[in-house]
Amino acid sequence: MNAPVEKPVDPLWLAEFSCWTMVALAPLLYWVNGPAVSVDQLVVRCVVFGSALAGGIGLRVYKTLRRRG
């Protein structure tokens, strides 16, 4: 008998999923951790959230344009 062949996971899908998961969990993490206690912490939180949001939007636009073209 032949073993079933599994399809490899698309790295773009995995990256987009990770970005949207971070964006979705940001409010929960803010609630758990509380407000930033220093300017450095605030900057890091904003950069991480902004990068996740920009990455999710960018990957979604790229996939949409690639599918249409």
N, C-alpha and C. Protein backbone atom coordinates (compact mmCIF):
# COMPACT_ATOMS: atom_id res chain seq x y z
N MET A 1 0.83 -1.18 0.00
CA MET A 1 0.00 0.00 0.00
C MET A 1 0.88 1.25 0.00
N ASN A 2 0.40 2.23 -0.70
CA ASN A 2 1.11 3.50 -0.74
C ASN A 2 0.64 4.41 0.39
N ALA A 3 1.57 5.10 0.98
CA ALA A 3 1.22 6.06 2.03
C ALA A 3 0.61 7.31 1.38
N PRO A 4 -0.35 7.92 2.04
CA PRO A 4 -0.94 9.13 1.46
C PRO A 4 0.09 10.25 1.38
N VAL A 5 0.02 10.99 0.29
CA VAL A 5 0.95 12.09 0.07
C VAL A 5 0.31 13.37 0.61
N GLU A 6 1.04 14.03 1.51
CA GLU A 6 0.53 15.26 2.08
C GLU A 6 1.05 16.45 1.29
N LYS A 7 0.18 17.45 1.13
CA LYS A 7 0.60 18.67 0.46
C LYS A 7 1.41 19.52 1.42
N PRO A 8 2.47 20.16 0.95
CA PRO A 8 3.25 21.02 1.84
C PRO A 8 2.44 22.27 2.21
N VAL A 9 2.71 22.81 3.37
CA VAL A 9 2.03 24.03 3.82
C VAL A 9 2.61 25.22 3.06
N ASP A 10 1.72 26.05 2.55
CA ASP A 10 2.13 27.25 1.83
C ASP A 10 2.71 28.26 2.82
N PRO A 11 3.97 28.67 2.66
CA PRO A 11 4.57 29.60 3.62
C PRO A 11 3.88 30.97 3.63
N LEU A 12 3.34 31.40 2.50
CA LEU A 12 2.63 32.68 2.48
C LEU A 12 1.35 32.59 3.30
N TRP A 13 0.66 31.46 3.22
CA TRP A 13 -0.54 31.29 4.04
C TRP A 13 -0.19 31.30 5.51
N LEU A 14 0.88 30.62 5.87
CA LEU A 14 1.32 30.56 7.26
C LEU A 14 1.72 31.94 7.78
N ALA A 15 2.42 32.71 6.97
CA ALA A 15 2.82 34.07 7.36
C ALA A 15 1.60 34.96 7.55
N GLU A 16 0.64 34.89 6.62
CA GLU A 16 -0.56 35.72 6.74
C GLU A 16 -1.39 35.31 7.95
N PHE A 17 -1.51 34.03 8.19
CA PHE A 17 -2.24 33.54 9.36
C PHE A 17 -1.60 34.05 10.65
N SER A 18 -0.28 34.02 10.69
CA SER A 18 0.43 34.52 11.88
C SER A 18 0.19 36.01 12.10
N CYS A 19 0.22 36.77 11.02
CA CYS A 19 -0.02 38.21 11.14
C CYS A 19 -1.42 38.49 11.67
N TRP A 20 -2.43 37.86 11.10
CA TRP A 20 -3.81 38.13 11.54
C TRP A 20 -4.06 37.60 12.94
N THR A 21 -3.38 36.52 13.32
CA THR A 21 -3.50 36.03 14.69
C THR A 21 -2.95 37.04 15.68
N MET A 22 -1.82 37.64 15.36
CA MET A 22 -1.23 38.67 16.23
C MET A 22 -2.15 39.87 16.33
N VAL A 23 -2.73 40.29 15.22
CA VAL A 23 -3.65 41.43 15.23
C VAL A 23 -4.88 41.11 16.07
N ALA A 24 -5.39 39.90 15.96
CA ALA A 24 -6.59 39.51 16.71
C ALA A 24 -6.31 39.38 18.21
N LEU A 25 -5.11 38.94 18.57
CA LEU A 25 -4.79 38.74 19.97
C LEU A 25 -4.27 40.00 20.67
N ALA A 26 -3.98 41.05 19.94
CA ALA A 26 -3.42 42.27 20.54
C ALA A 26 -4.31 42.85 21.64
N PRO A 27 -5.62 42.97 21.45
CA PRO A 27 -6.44 43.50 22.55
C PRO A 27 -6.41 42.62 23.79
N LEU A 28 -6.40 41.32 23.60
CA LEU A 28 -6.35 40.41 24.74
C LEU A 28 -5.01 40.55 25.47
N LEU A 29 -3.92 40.64 24.72
CA LEU A 29 -2.61 40.80 25.34
C LEU A 29 -2.51 42.14 26.07
N TYR A 30 -3.12 43.18 25.53
CA TYR A 30 -3.13 44.48 26.21
C TYR A 30 -3.90 44.37 27.52
N TRP A 31 -5.02 43.67 27.49
CA TRP A 31 -5.83 43.51 28.70
C TRP A 31 -5.07 42.71 29.76
N VAL A 32 -4.36 41.67 29.35
CA VAL A 32 -3.61 40.84 30.29
C VAL A 32 -2.41 41.59 30.85
N ASN A 33 -1.64 42.25 29.98
CA ASN A 33 -0.39 42.89 30.39
C ASN A 33 -0.58 44.30 30.94
N GLY A 34 -1.69 44.93 30.62
CA GLY A 34 -1.92 46.29 31.08
C GLY A 34 -1.25 47.31 30.17
N PRO A 35 -1.40 48.58 30.51
CA PRO A 35 -0.79 49.62 29.67
C PRO A 35 0.73 49.59 29.76
N ALA A 36 1.35 50.19 28.76
CA ALA A 36 2.81 50.24 28.72
C ALA A 36 3.33 51.06 29.90
N VAL A 37 4.42 50.60 30.50
CA VAL A 37 4.98 51.29 31.66
C VAL A 37 6.15 52.19 31.28
N SER A 38 6.60 52.11 30.04
CA SER A 38 7.67 53.00 29.58
C SER A 38 7.45 53.32 28.11
N VAL A 39 8.15 54.34 27.67
CA VAL A 39 8.06 54.73 26.26
C VAL A 39 8.62 53.62 25.37
N ASP A 40 9.70 52.99 25.81
CA ASP A 40 10.28 51.90 25.02
C ASP A 40 9.29 50.76 24.82
N GLN A 41 8.58 50.40 25.87
CA GLN A 41 7.61 49.32 25.78
C GLN A 41 6.47 49.71 24.84
N LEU A 42 6.04 50.95 24.91
CA LEU A 42 4.98 51.43 24.02
C LEU A 42 5.41 51.38 22.56
N VAL A 43 6.64 51.80 22.30
CA VAL A 43 7.17 51.78 20.93
C VAL A 43 7.24 50.36 20.40
N VAL A 44 7.74 49.44 21.21
CA VAL A 44 7.84 48.05 20.77
C VAL A 44 6.46 47.47 20.49
N ARG A 45 5.49 47.72 21.37
CA ARG A 45 4.13 47.21 21.14
C ARG A 45 3.54 47.78 19.86
N CYS A 46 3.74 49.08 19.63
CA CYS A 46 3.19 49.70 18.42
C CYS A 46 3.86 49.17 17.16
N VAL A 47 5.17 48.96 17.22
CA VAL A 47 5.89 48.45 16.05
C VAL A 47 5.47 47.01 15.74
N VAL A 48 5.33 46.19 16.77
CA VAL A 48 4.91 44.79 16.55
C VAL A 48 3.50 44.75 15.98
N PHE A 49 2.58 45.53 16.56
CA PHE A 49 1.21 45.54 16.06
C PHE A 49 1.15 46.09 14.63
N GLY A 50 1.86 47.20 14.39
CA GLY A 50 1.86 47.79 13.05
C GLY A 50 2.47 46.87 12.01
N SER A 51 3.53 46.17 12.37
CA SER A 51 4.16 45.23 11.44
C SER A 51 3.23 44.07 11.12
N ALA A 52 2.55 43.56 12.14
CA ALA A 52 1.61 42.46 11.91
C ALA A 52 0.45 42.91 11.02
N LEU A 53 -0.07 44.10 11.28
CA LEU A 53 -1.18 44.62 10.47
C LEU A 53 -0.73 44.87 9.03
N ALA A 54 0.41 45.53 8.87
CA ALA A 54 0.92 45.80 7.52
C ALA A 54 1.25 44.49 6.79
N GLY A 55 1.80 43.53 7.49
CA GLY A 55 2.11 42.24 6.87
C GLY A 55 0.86 41.50 6.43
N GLY A 56 -0.16 41.50 7.29
CA GLY A 56 -1.41 40.83 6.94
C GLY A 56 -2.09 41.47 5.74
N ILE A 57 -2.14 42.80 5.74
CA ILE A 57 -2.75 43.50 4.61
C ILE A 57 -1.92 43.32 3.34
N GLY A 58 -0.60 43.45 3.48
CA GLY A 58 0.27 43.31 2.32
C GLY A 58 0.20 41.92 1.69
N LEU A 59 0.21 40.90 2.53
CA LEU A 59 0.12 39.54 1.99
C LEU A 59 -1.24 39.27 1.36
N ARG A 60 -2.31 39.80 1.94
CA ARG A 60 -3.65 39.61 1.37
C ARG A 60 -3.74 40.30 0.01
N VAL A 61 -3.22 41.51 -0.11
CA VAL A 61 -3.24 42.24 -1.39
C VAL A 61 -2.39 41.49 -2.42
N TYR A 62 -1.22 41.03 -2.01
CA TYR A 62 -0.35 40.28 -2.93
C TYR A 62 -1.05 39.03 -3.45
N LYS A 63 -1.67 38.27 -2.55
CA LYS A 63 -2.36 37.05 -2.98
C LYS A 63 -3.53 37.36 -3.90
N THR A 64 -4.27 38.43 -3.59
CA THR A 64 -5.41 38.81 -4.42
C THR A 64 -4.95 39.22 -5.83
N LEU A 65 -3.91 40.03 -5.89
CA LEU A 65 -3.41 40.46 -7.20
C LEU A 65 -2.79 39.30 -7.98
N ARG A 66 -2.12 38.39 -7.30
CA ARG A 66 -1.52 37.24 -7.96
C ARG A 66 -2.60 36.31 -8.52
N ARG A 67 -3.70 36.17 -7.79
CA ARG A 67 -4.79 35.29 -8.24
C ARG A 67 -5.50 35.87 -9.46
N ARG A 68 -5.63 37.21 -9.52
CA ARG A 68 -6.33 37.85 -10.64
C ARG A 68 -5.46 37.90 -11.90
N GLY A 69 -4.15 37.99 -11.70
CA GLY A 69 -3.25 38.18 -12.83
C GLY A 69 -2.82 36.96 -13.53
